[in-house]
């Protein structure tokens, strides 16, 4: 049976982030996607024009519908927007005993719009992070969650340790907002103190809309397929690197990544191997 996954996130009318990015990524990586919508946004590559959050009951009934009929192998959260949605999400994750939760603490859009209300931060730490297998903040999000300014590897580790103190099994601080113009570093820390550093060449592009959503969705898909967390992170890194490397050049602002690039590159490798064997 195909692994079943769930994304709990907002809709992006521009198609590059949120629910749309998650479902594209899930499809590309061979898992079946269900979804719970937390908000409708009016946005494009230039920015977010408006946000229309779902009511608490709407989120509740969506979660109940999924829980009564699907066997989830993994799930992720994205834009949750407010305290009520966070509380409702955590409540039903506990009720259905859903495991392998990836929390992408979406806070600010590429154009600067706030996607998580300031007062909702406490609910995120208290209600949701203790349920997470992994939390995937970028550097600005990690600074907000930890209260620590990240200026070097030492402060990055301190921030990761602070986020772990809220209860998740692991945290990966993504390096997309790092200052090194040649290399992006993702720092991975487990509760037991084990740490890993994933390094990849930095890609000079503005086609970056939805990178966090896409990375966390790829991570969720691989966990659902039975991969270890390390293996899942490695594939998610490959997926997002391919998506950034193969530009679509859509829109006049921060354009979407290419969700089909990873599958295409894998197919090309298989074809090359086939030719070499012959």
Protein backbone atom coordinates (compact mmCIF):
# COMPACT_ATOMS: atom_id res chain seq x y z
CA UNK A 1 0.00 0.00 0.00
CA UNK A 2 1.24 3.48 -0.82
CA UNK A 3 2.26 5.42 2.32
CA UNK A 4 -0.34 7.99 3.37
CA UNK A 5 0.70 11.39 4.66
CA UNK A 6 -0.97 14.59 5.86
CA UNK A 7 -0.10 18.24 5.48
CA UNK A 8 -1.73 20.77 7.83
CA UNK A 9 -1.00 24.14 6.28
CA UNK A 10 -2.24 27.21 4.45
CA UNK A 11 -3.07 27.54 0.78
CA UNK A 12 -0.84 29.56 -1.55
CA UNK A 13 -2.78 30.95 -4.51
CA UNK A 14 0.53 31.33 -6.35
CA UNK A 15 1.15 27.59 -6.08
CA UNK A 16 4.76 27.76 -4.88
CA UNK A 17 4.42 27.21 -1.13
CA UNK A 18 1.99 25.88 1.47
CA UNK A 19 -0.47 23.09 0.72
CA UNK A 20 0.28 23.27 -3.00
CA UNK A 21 4.04 22.81 -2.56
CA UNK A 22 3.50 19.98 -0.09
CA UNK A 23 1.16 18.02 -2.35
CA UNK A 24 3.49 18.45 -5.35
CA UNK A 25 6.42 17.19 -3.29
CA UNK A 26 4.47 14.23 -1.91
CA UNK A 27 3.40 13.25 -5.42
CA UNK A 28 6.96 13.47 -6.73
CA UNK A 29 8.26 11.26 -3.92
CA UNK A 30 5.60 8.58 -4.26
CA UNK A 31 3.35 9.02 -1.23
CA UNK A 32 -0.38 9.74 -1.05
CA UNK A 33 -1.25 13.18 0.29
CA UNK A 34 -4.18 14.21 2.43
CA UNK A 35 -4.54 17.80 3.62
CA UNK A 36 -6.08 20.05 6.24
CA UNK A 37 -6.41 23.68 5.26
CA UNK A 38 -5.62 26.24 7.99
CA UNK A 39 -5.89 29.44 5.95
CA UNK A 40 -6.45 30.78 2.47
CA UNK A 41 -3.91 33.32 1.29
CA UNK A 42 -4.09 35.69 -1.65
CA UNK A 43 -0.48 35.82 -2.85
CA UNK A 44 1.88 35.61 -5.77
CA UNK A 45 5.65 35.77 -6.23
CA UNK A 46 5.61 39.44 -5.22
CA UNK A 47 4.05 38.92 -1.80
CA UNK A 48 1.01 38.15 0.33
CA UNK A 49 -1.99 40.41 -0.26
CA UNK A 50 -4.37 38.90 2.31
CA UNK A 51 -4.78 36.02 4.77
CA UNK A 52 -8.11 34.40 5.61
CA UNK A 53 -7.67 31.90 8.48
CA UNK A 54 -9.99 28.95 8.93
CA UNK A 55 -12.18 28.86 12.02
CA UNK A 56 -11.40 26.42 14.80
CA UNK A 57 -14.35 24.17 13.94
CA UNK A 58 -13.31 24.00 10.28
CA UNK A 59 -9.85 22.78 11.27
CA UNK A 60 -11.31 20.33 13.77
CA UNK A 61 -13.72 18.69 11.34
CA UNK A 62 -11.04 18.35 8.67
CA UNK A 63 -8.70 16.63 11.14
CA UNK A 64 -11.49 14.34 12.34
CA UNK A 65 -12.34 13.36 8.77
CA UNK A 66 -8.73 12.42 8.04
CA UNK A 67 -8.29 10.53 11.30
CA UNK A 68 -11.41 8.41 10.81
CA UNK A 69 -10.48 7.11 7.36
CA UNK A 70 -6.73 7.26 6.68
CA UNK A 71 -3.72 5.44 8.11
CA UNK A 72 -1.03 8.08 8.28
CA UNK A 73 2.60 7.04 8.14
CA UNK A 74 3.81 10.61 8.74
CA UNK A 75 2.52 14.18 8.77
CA UNK A 76 3.72 17.76 8.73
CA UNK A 77 2.54 21.17 9.77
CA UNK A 78 3.20 24.42 7.97
CA UNK A 79 1.39 27.73 8.36
CA UNK A 80 -0.88 27.47 11.42
CA UNK A 81 -1.35 31.23 11.90
CA UNK A 82 -2.94 31.47 15.35
CA UNK A 83 -3.20 29.93 18.79
CA UNK A 84 -6.62 28.33 18.21
CA UNK A 85 -5.45 26.43 15.13
CA UNK A 86 -2.29 25.26 16.90
CA UNK A 87 -4.27 24.00 19.89
CA UNK A 88 -6.78 22.19 17.70
CA UNK A 89 -4.03 20.63 15.61
CA UNK A 90 -2.12 19.35 18.65
CA UNK A 91 -5.32 18.03 20.25
CA UNK A 92 -6.19 15.77 17.32
CA UNK A 93 -2.62 14.66 16.69
CA UNK A 94 -2.63 13.36 20.25
CA UNK A 95 -6.13 11.90 19.92
CA UNK A 96 -5.31 9.87 16.80
CA UNK A 97 -1.80 9.09 18.10
CA UNK A 98 -0.22 10.25 14.84
CA UNK A 99 3.54 9.71 14.78
CA UNK A 100 6.47 11.04 12.77
CA UNK A 101 5.38 14.65 12.91
CA UNK A 102 7.50 17.20 11.06
CA UNK A 103 6.91 20.75 12.31
CA UNK A 104 7.88 23.51 9.90
CA UNK A 105 7.40 26.61 12.11
CA UNK A 106 6.28 28.94 9.31
CA UNK A 107 6.41 32.49 10.63
CA UNK A 108 7.19 34.98 7.87
CA UNK A 109 6.65 34.85 4.10
CA UNK A 110 9.44 35.68 1.62
CA UNK A 111 7.86 39.10 1.08
CA UNK A 112 7.76 39.84 4.82
CA UNK A 113 4.12 39.07 5.71
CA UNK A 114 3.57 37.55 9.15
CA UNK A 115 2.20 34.01 8.80
CA UNK A 116 2.15 33.28 12.54
CA UNK A 117 0.68 35.73 15.01
CA UNK A 118 3.14 36.82 17.68
CA UNK A 119 0.99 35.53 20.53
CA UNK A 120 0.82 32.07 18.93
CA UNK A 121 4.50 31.37 19.55
CA UNK A 122 3.89 30.21 23.11
CA UNK A 123 1.21 27.76 21.95
CA UNK A 124 3.57 26.39 19.30
CA UNK A 125 6.24 25.68 21.92
CA UNK A 126 3.85 24.26 24.50
CA UNK A 127 1.36 22.30 22.40
CA UNK A 128 3.04 21.21 19.17
CA UNK A 129 6.81 20.99 19.55
CA UNK A 130 6.65 18.23 22.21
CA UNK A 131 4.85 16.04 19.64
CA UNK A 132 7.42 16.53 16.88
CA UNK A 133 9.92 14.03 15.54
CA UNK A 134 11.78 16.94 13.97
CA UNK A 135 11.40 20.73 13.84
CA UNK A 136 12.74 22.50 10.75
CA UNK A 137 13.20 26.25 11.39
CA UNK A 138 15.28 28.51 9.20
CA UNK A 139 17.71 30.82 10.99
CA UNK A 140 15.24 33.71 11.65
CA UNK A 141 12.61 31.23 12.90
CA UNK A 142 15.17 29.51 15.13
CA UNK A 143 16.10 32.89 16.60
CA UNK A 144 12.46 33.63 17.43
CA UNK A 145 11.83 30.18 18.92
CA UNK A 146 15.01 30.17 21.00
CA UNK A 147 15.40 33.85 21.82
CA UNK A 148 19.05 33.52 20.76
CA UNK A 149 20.67 35.55 17.99
CA UNK A 150 22.50 33.20 15.64
CA UNK A 151 25.80 34.75 14.57
CA UNK A 152 28.10 31.72 14.43
CA UNK A 153 28.18 27.93 14.88
CA UNK A 154 28.28 28.20 18.68
CA UNK A 155 25.14 30.35 18.92
CA UNK A 156 23.44 28.11 16.35
CA UNK A 157 24.06 25.09 18.56
CA UNK A 158 22.75 26.96 21.61
CA UNK A 159 19.60 27.88 19.69
CA UNK A 160 19.10 24.25 18.64
CA UNK A 161 19.54 23.09 22.23
CA UNK A 162 16.98 25.64 23.43
CA UNK A 163 14.45 24.46 20.82
CA UNK A 164 15.07 20.86 21.89
CA UNK A 165 14.23 21.83 25.46
CA UNK A 166 10.61 22.29 24.32
CA UNK A 167 10.37 18.54 23.70
CA UNK A 168 10.88 17.55 20.04
CA UNK A 169 13.07 14.55 19.23
CA UNK A 170 15.35 16.56 16.96
CA UNK A 171 15.81 19.91 15.27
CA UNK A 172 17.40 20.94 12.00
CA UNK A 173 18.26 24.62 11.59
CA UNK A 174 18.30 25.26 7.86
CA UNK A 175 21.10 27.32 6.40
CA UNK A 176 19.35 29.13 3.58
CA UNK A 177 19.57 32.44 5.45
CA UNK A 178 23.23 31.94 6.34
CA UNK A 179 25.84 34.54 5.38
CA UNK A 180 28.27 32.26 3.53
CA UNK A 181 27.79 33.09 -0.15
CA UNK A 182 29.19 29.78 -1.37
CA UNK A 183 27.92 27.12 1.05
CA UNK A 184 24.61 26.44 2.82
CA UNK A 185 24.89 24.57 6.12
CA UNK A 186 22.00 22.76 7.81
CA UNK A 187 22.68 21.93 11.47
CA UNK A 188 20.98 18.79 12.83
CA UNK A 189 20.77 18.03 16.57
CA UNK A 190 19.18 15.06 18.37
CA UNK A 191 17.91 14.94 21.95
CA UNK A 192 20.77 12.59 22.84
CA UNK A 193 23.29 15.23 21.79
CA UNK A 194 24.29 13.70 18.46
CA UNK A 195 24.85 16.39 15.86
CA UNK A 196 25.30 16.42 12.09
CA UNK A 197 26.16 19.10 9.58
CA UNK A 198 24.78 18.93 6.05
CA UNK A 199 26.67 21.14 3.60
CA UNK A 200 25.73 21.92 0.00
CA UNK A 201 26.76 24.53 -2.58
CA UNK A 202 24.69 27.69 -2.28
CA UNK A 203 22.66 28.37 -5.41
CA UNK A 204 22.44 31.98 -6.55
CA UNK A 205 18.77 32.35 -7.42
CA UNK A 206 15.64 34.28 -6.46
CA UNK A 207 13.47 31.29 -7.39
CA UNK A 208 13.17 30.32 -3.72
CA UNK A 209 9.48 30.63 -2.89
CA UNK A 210 8.34 27.64 -0.84
CA UNK A 211 11.77 26.16 -0.10
CA UNK A 212 10.96 25.52 3.56
CA UNK A 213 7.61 23.91 2.76
CA UNK A 214 9.17 21.75 0.08
CA UNK A 215 12.08 20.62 2.25
CA UNK A 216 9.85 19.66 5.18
CA UNK A 217 7.39 17.89 2.85
CA UNK A 218 10.22 15.85 1.31
CA UNK A 219 11.38 14.95 4.80
CA UNK A 220 7.85 13.84 5.72
CA UNK A 221 7.52 11.73 2.58
CA UNK A 222 10.76 9.88 3.21
CA UNK A 223 9.89 9.20 6.86
CA UNK A 224 6.54 7.80 5.69
CA UNK A 225 8.42 5.42 3.39
CA UNK A 226 10.31 3.99 6.35
CA UNK A 227 13.58 5.88 6.00
CA UNK A 228 15.61 6.81 9.06
CA UNK A 229 15.69 10.48 9.99
CA UNK A 230 19.25 10.84 8.66
CA UNK A 231 18.31 9.19 5.36
CA UNK A 232 15.19 11.32 5.10
CA UNK A 233 17.15 14.54 5.66
CA UNK A 234 19.71 13.52 3.04
CA UNK A 235 17.02 12.89 0.40
CA UNK A 236 15.17 16.09 1.34
CA UNK A 237 18.42 18.01 0.83
CA UNK A 238 18.86 16.41 -2.60
CA UNK A 239 15.25 17.18 -3.49
CA UNK A 240 15.42 20.87 -2.59
CA UNK A 241 18.85 21.28 -4.18
CA UNK A 242 17.49 19.91 -7.47
CA UNK A 243 14.36 22.09 -7.17
CA UNK A 244 16.50 25.22 -6.74
CA UNK A 245 19.02 24.27 -9.43
CA UNK A 246 16.45 23.86 -12.19
CA UNK A 247 14.78 27.28 -12.38
CA UNK A 248 11.26 27.73 -13.71
CA UNK A 249 11.51 31.55 -13.83
CA UNK A 250 7.82 32.04 -13.07
CA UNK A 251 6.58 35.40 -11.79
CA UNK A 252 8.28 38.76 -11.27
CA UNK A 253 9.39 38.20 -7.67
CA UNK A 254 10.53 35.22 -5.61
CA UNK A 255 9.49 32.50 -8.03
CA UNK A 256 8.60 28.92 -7.09
CA UNK A 257 11.08 26.06 -7.03
CA UNK A 258 10.89 23.24 -9.58
CA UNK A 259 9.27 20.31 -7.79
CA UNK A 260 9.73 17.98 -10.76
CA UNK A 261 13.51 18.47 -10.99
CA UNK A 262 14.49 15.73 -8.52
CA UNK A 263 12.50 13.01 -10.27
CA UNK A 264 13.82 14.15 -13.64
CA UNK A 265 17.40 14.03 -12.39
CA UNK A 266 16.88 10.55 -10.92
CA UNK A 267 15.42 9.31 -14.21
CA UNK A 268 18.39 10.74 -16.10
CA UNK A 269 20.78 8.95 -13.75
CA UNK A 270 18.98 5.65 -14.29
CA UNK A 271 19.13 6.12 -18.04
CA UNK A 272 22.86 6.85 -17.86
CA UNK A 273 23.44 3.76 -15.73
CA UNK A 274 21.45 1.68 -18.17
CA UNK A 275 23.61 2.89 -21.06
CA UNK A 276 26.80 2.19 -19.11
CA UNK A 277 25.70 -1.36 -18.31
CA UNK A 278 25.05 -2.03 -21.98
